[in-house]
Each structure stands twice: as structure tokens, then as C-alpha cells.
Amino acid sequence: MIIKTLLDYLTENLEGIYVGMEAPEQLTDYVLIDQTGSAITNHITTTTVAIQSYGASLYEAMLLNERVKGVMDGFLALDEVTRVQLNTDYNFTDTETKQYRWQAVYQITHY
């Protein structure tokens, strides 16, 4: 399961930052992972994930997003991963909760 692999990878490589699939309480800087889709062609899976970087300010959220993108460059080194492509990243501030966040959307091809 690539989401578990990604969660473990980001947790290990984003030292000092909480990485999860649900928002933690009492933290301002953290990363959330969400799978937005997947496809299978010739027994090879491509999974689309949204990685949301939260910060105390818009600038801090953007800096964390840049850090995430730098770490994601190394995800390709894992044996089960054959391609990591950043589709887009953008300011995705949550207007309902008033939390600053940036979102990076990746397509990951894997076995």
C-alpha cells in the first residue's frame, strides 16, 4: 500500500514535523496526506495524492510545502516506486478553519 509507504517515508524525512492522515490537535505546523485517486494499467498502479502543508502563517505553510517537495524528490529511490511526478502545488488556505496551507498534488507510479 503506497499511502502507508509514503506516510512512513515523509515521517522519517521531515524531522520534527507531524505527518498523518488526520489533523492533530494543538499543532500549527504539520503535513496531511490524502489519496485522491488511482488507476491500474498492465498491473502497474498510479496513485494521485494531495500532500497538504499547514503552517502558522501563509509563508510558513509555503516553506513547509517547499520542504515536502524536496523530500519527495527522493521517494523515487524506493524499489516499489517507478515514477514521482508533481502535477501542481498552490496556496490552499482553508477558509472554513482559517488555517494556512499549501497543497502539492503528485502522481506516483508503483508496483
C-alpha atoms as a PDB file:
ATOM      1  CA  MET A   1       0.000   0.000   0.000  1.00  0.00           C
ATOM      2  CA  ILE A   2       1.735   3.126  -1.275  1.00  0.00           C
ATOM      3  CA  ILE A   3      -0.014   5.522   1.120  1.00  0.00           C
ATOM      4  CA  LYS A   4       1.472   3.721   4.145  1.00  0.00           C
ATOM      5  CA  THR A   5       4.875   3.723   2.431  1.00  0.00           C
ATOM      6  CA  LEU A   6       4.548   7.454   1.708  1.00  0.00           C
ATOM      7  CA  LEU A   7       3.420   8.192   5.264  1.00  0.00           C
ATOM      8  CA  ASP A   8       6.423   6.345   6.706  1.00  0.00           C
ATOM      9  CA  TYR A   9       8.802   7.971   4.217  1.00  0.00           C
ATOM     10  CA  LEU A  10       7.643  11.524   4.921  1.00  0.00           C
ATOM     11  CA  THR A  11       7.613  10.914   8.691  1.00  0.00           C
ATOM     12  CA  GLU A  12      11.215   9.719   8.527  1.00  0.00           C
ATOM     13  CA  ASN A  13      12.425  12.518   6.261  1.00  0.00           C
ATOM     14  CA  LEU A  14      10.527  15.529   7.638  1.00  0.00           C
ATOM     15  CA  GLU A  15      12.148  15.529  11.060  1.00  0.00           C
ATOM     16  CA  GLY A  16      10.225  17.444  13.677  1.00  0.00           C
ATOM     17  CA  ILE A  17       7.021  17.642  11.600  1.00  0.00           C
ATOM     18  CA  TYR A  18       3.904  15.588  12.310  1.00  0.00           C
ATOM     19  CA  VAL A  19       2.825  13.669   9.187  1.00  0.00           C
ATOM     20  CA  GLY A  20      -0.545  11.929   9.156  1.00  0.00           C
ATOM     21  CA  MET A  21      -3.893  11.455   7.502  1.00  0.00           C
ATOM     22  CA  GLU A  22      -5.891  13.341  10.138  1.00  0.00           C
ATOM     23  CA  ALA A  23      -5.221  16.744  11.662  1.00  0.00           C
ATOM     24  CA  PRO A  24      -3.522  16.654  15.065  1.00  0.00           C
ATOM     25  CA  GLU A  25      -4.739  18.771  17.954  1.00  0.00           C
ATOM     26  CA  GLN A  26      -2.683  21.711  19.189  1.00  0.00           C
ATOM     27  CA  LEU A  27      -0.196  21.816  16.293  1.00  0.00           C
ATOM     28  CA  THR A  28       0.248  24.575  13.733  1.00  0.00           C
ATOM     29  CA  ASP A  29       2.964  23.046  11.505  1.00  0.00           C
ATOM     30  CA  TYR A  30       2.093  19.632  10.113  1.00  0.00           C
ATOM     31  CA  VAL A  31       1.551  17.642   6.907  1.00  0.00           C
ATOM     32  CA  LEU A  32      -1.522  15.664   5.877  1.00  0.00           C
ATOM     33  CA  ILE A  33      -1.695  13.069   3.110  1.00  0.00           C
ATOM     34  CA  ASP A  34      -4.845  12.289   1.132  1.00  0.00           C
ATOM     35  CA  GLN A  35      -5.271   9.870  -1.753  1.00  0.00           C
ATOM     36  CA  THR A  36      -7.440  11.499  -4.408  1.00  0.00           C
ATOM     37  CA  GLY A  37      -7.488   8.698  -6.978  1.00  0.00           C
ATOM     38  CA  SER A  38      -5.740   5.752  -8.589  1.00  0.00           C
ATOM     39  CA  ALA A  39      -5.581   3.768 -11.815  1.00  0.00           C
ATOM     40  CA  ILE A  40      -4.130   0.429 -12.871  1.00  0.00           C
ATOM     41  CA  THR A  41      -2.650  -0.236 -16.310  1.00  0.00           C
ATOM     42  CA  ASN A  42      -0.843  -3.502 -17.148  1.00  0.00           C
ATOM     43  CA  HIS A  43      -0.618  -4.390 -13.426  1.00  0.00           C
ATOM     44  CA  ILE A  44       1.136  -1.107 -12.591  1.00  0.00           C
ATOM     45  CA  THR A  45      -0.685   1.312 -10.316  1.00  0.00           C
ATOM     46  CA  THR A  46      -0.644   5.093 -10.454  1.00  0.00           C
ATOM     47  CA  THR A  47      -1.903   6.809  -7.318  1.00  0.00           C
ATOM     48  CA  THR A  48      -2.715  10.502  -7.071  1.00  0.00           C
ATOM     49  CA  VAL A  49      -2.046  12.057  -3.669  1.00  0.00           C
ATOM     50  CA  ALA A  50      -2.557  15.512  -2.221  1.00  0.00           C
ATOM     51  CA  ILE A  51       0.035  16.492   0.361  1.00  0.00           C
ATOM     52  CA  GLN A  52      -1.151  19.432   2.442  1.00  0.00           C
ATOM     53  CA  SER A  53       1.385  21.510   4.371  1.00  0.00           C
ATOM     54  CA  TYR A  54      -0.035  23.557   7.255  1.00  0.00           C
ATOM     55  CA  GLY A  55       1.707  26.468   8.950  1.00  0.00           C
ATOM     56  CA  ALA A  56       1.124  29.256  11.474  1.00  0.00           C
ATOM     57  CA  SER A  57       1.381  31.740   8.589  1.00  0.00           C
ATOM     58  CA  LEU A  58       0.967  31.521   4.842  1.00  0.00           C
ATOM     59  CA  TYR A  59       4.719  31.930   4.468  1.00  0.00           C
ATOM     60  CA  GLU A  60       5.449  29.062   6.898  1.00  0.00           C
ATOM     61  CA  ALA A  61       2.964  26.833   5.069  1.00  0.00           C
ATOM     62  CA  MET A  62       4.703  27.656   1.774  1.00  0.00           C
ATOM     63  CA  LEU A  63       8.138  26.916   3.277  1.00  0.00           C
ATOM     64  CA  LEU A  64       6.912  23.550   4.566  1.00  0.00           C
ATOM     65  CA  ASN A  65       5.472  22.813   1.110  1.00  0.00           C
ATOM     66  CA  GLU A  66       8.885  23.510  -0.428  1.00  0.00           C
ATOM     67  CA  ARG A  67      10.457  21.181   2.125  1.00  0.00           C
ATOM     68  CA  VAL A  68       7.933  18.459   1.258  1.00  0.00           C
ATOM     69  CA  LYS A  69       8.706  18.839  -2.463  1.00  0.00           C
ATOM     70  CA  GLY A  70      12.421  18.486  -1.764  1.00  0.00           C
ATOM     71  CA  VAL A  71      11.847  15.316   0.243  1.00  0.00           C
ATOM     72  CA  MET A  72       9.501  13.898  -2.412  1.00  0.00           C
ATOM     73  CA  ASP A  73      12.356  14.035  -4.939  1.00  0.00           C
ATOM     74  CA  GLY A  74      13.941  11.142  -3.026  1.00  0.00           C
ATOM     75  CA  PHE A  75      10.786   8.989  -2.917  1.00  0.00           C
ATOM     76  CA  LEU A  76      11.713   7.603  -6.328  1.00  0.00           C
ATOM     77  CA  ALA A  77      14.677   5.793  -4.737  1.00  0.00           C
ATOM     78  CA  LEU A  78      12.325   3.233  -3.155  1.00  0.00           C
ATOM     79  CA  ASP A  79      12.227  -0.083  -5.022  1.00  0.00           C
ATOM     80  CA  GLU A  80       8.446  -0.179  -5.439  1.00  0.00           C
ATOM     81  CA  VAL A  81       8.236   3.361  -6.836  1.00  0.00           C
ATOM     82  CA  THR A  82       8.887   3.856 -10.562  1.00  0.00           C
ATOM     83  CA  ARG A  83       7.795   7.471 -11.073  1.00  0.00           C
ATOM     84  CA  VAL A  84       7.035  10.517  -8.943  1.00  0.00           C
ATOM     85  CA  GLN A  85       5.517  13.494 -10.756  1.00  0.00           C
ATOM     86  CA  LEU A  86       4.465  16.785  -9.203  1.00  0.00           C
ATOM     87  CA  ASN A  87       1.281  17.810 -11.025  1.00  0.00           C
ATOM     88  CA  THR A  88       0.853  21.157  -9.279  1.00  0.00           C
ATOM     89  CA  ASP A  89       1.220  22.967  -5.981  1.00  0.00           C
ATOM     90  CA  TYR A  90      -0.675  26.007  -4.783  1.00  0.00           C
ATOM     91  CA  ASN A  91      -1.987  28.044  -1.875  1.00  0.00           C
ATOM     92  CA  PHE A  92      -4.919  26.075  -0.461  1.00  0.00           C
ATOM     93  CA  THR A  93      -5.729  28.034   2.697  1.00  0.00           C
ATOM     94  CA  ASP A  94      -8.701  26.501   4.497  1.00  0.00           C
ATOM     95  CA  THR A  95     -11.238  29.340   4.709  1.00  0.00           C
ATOM     96  CA  GLU A  96     -13.555  27.340   6.977  1.00  0.00           C
ATOM     97  CA  THR A  97     -10.977  26.685   9.719  1.00  0.00           C
ATOM     98  CA  LYS A  98      -8.841  29.755   8.881  1.00  0.00           C
ATOM     99  CA  GLN A  99      -5.718  27.592   8.694  1.00  0.00           C
ATOM    100  CA  TYR A 100      -2.915  28.405   6.273  1.00  0.00           C
ATOM    101  CA  ARG A 101      -1.933  25.542   3.985  1.00  0.00           C
ATOM    102  CA  TRP A 102      -0.295  24.764   0.686  1.00  0.00           C
ATOM    103  CA  GLN A 103      -1.111  21.672  -1.330  1.00  0.00           C
ATOM    104  CA  ALA A 104       1.139  19.659  -3.622  1.00  0.00           C
ATOM    105  CA  VAL A 105      -0.539  17.095  -5.892  1.00  0.00           C
ATOM    106  CA  TYR A 106       1.586  14.142  -7.025  1.00  0.00           C
ATOM    107  CA  GLN A 107       1.093  11.151  -9.281  1.00  0.00           C
ATOM    108  CA  ILE A 108       3.074   8.180  -8.025  1.00  0.00           C
ATOM    109  CA  THR A 109       3.539   5.127 -10.232  1.00  0.00           C
ATOM    110  CA  HIS A 110       4.356   1.996  -8.261  1.00  0.00           C
ATOM    111  CA  TYR A 111       4.165  -1.797  -8.115  1.00  0.00           C
END
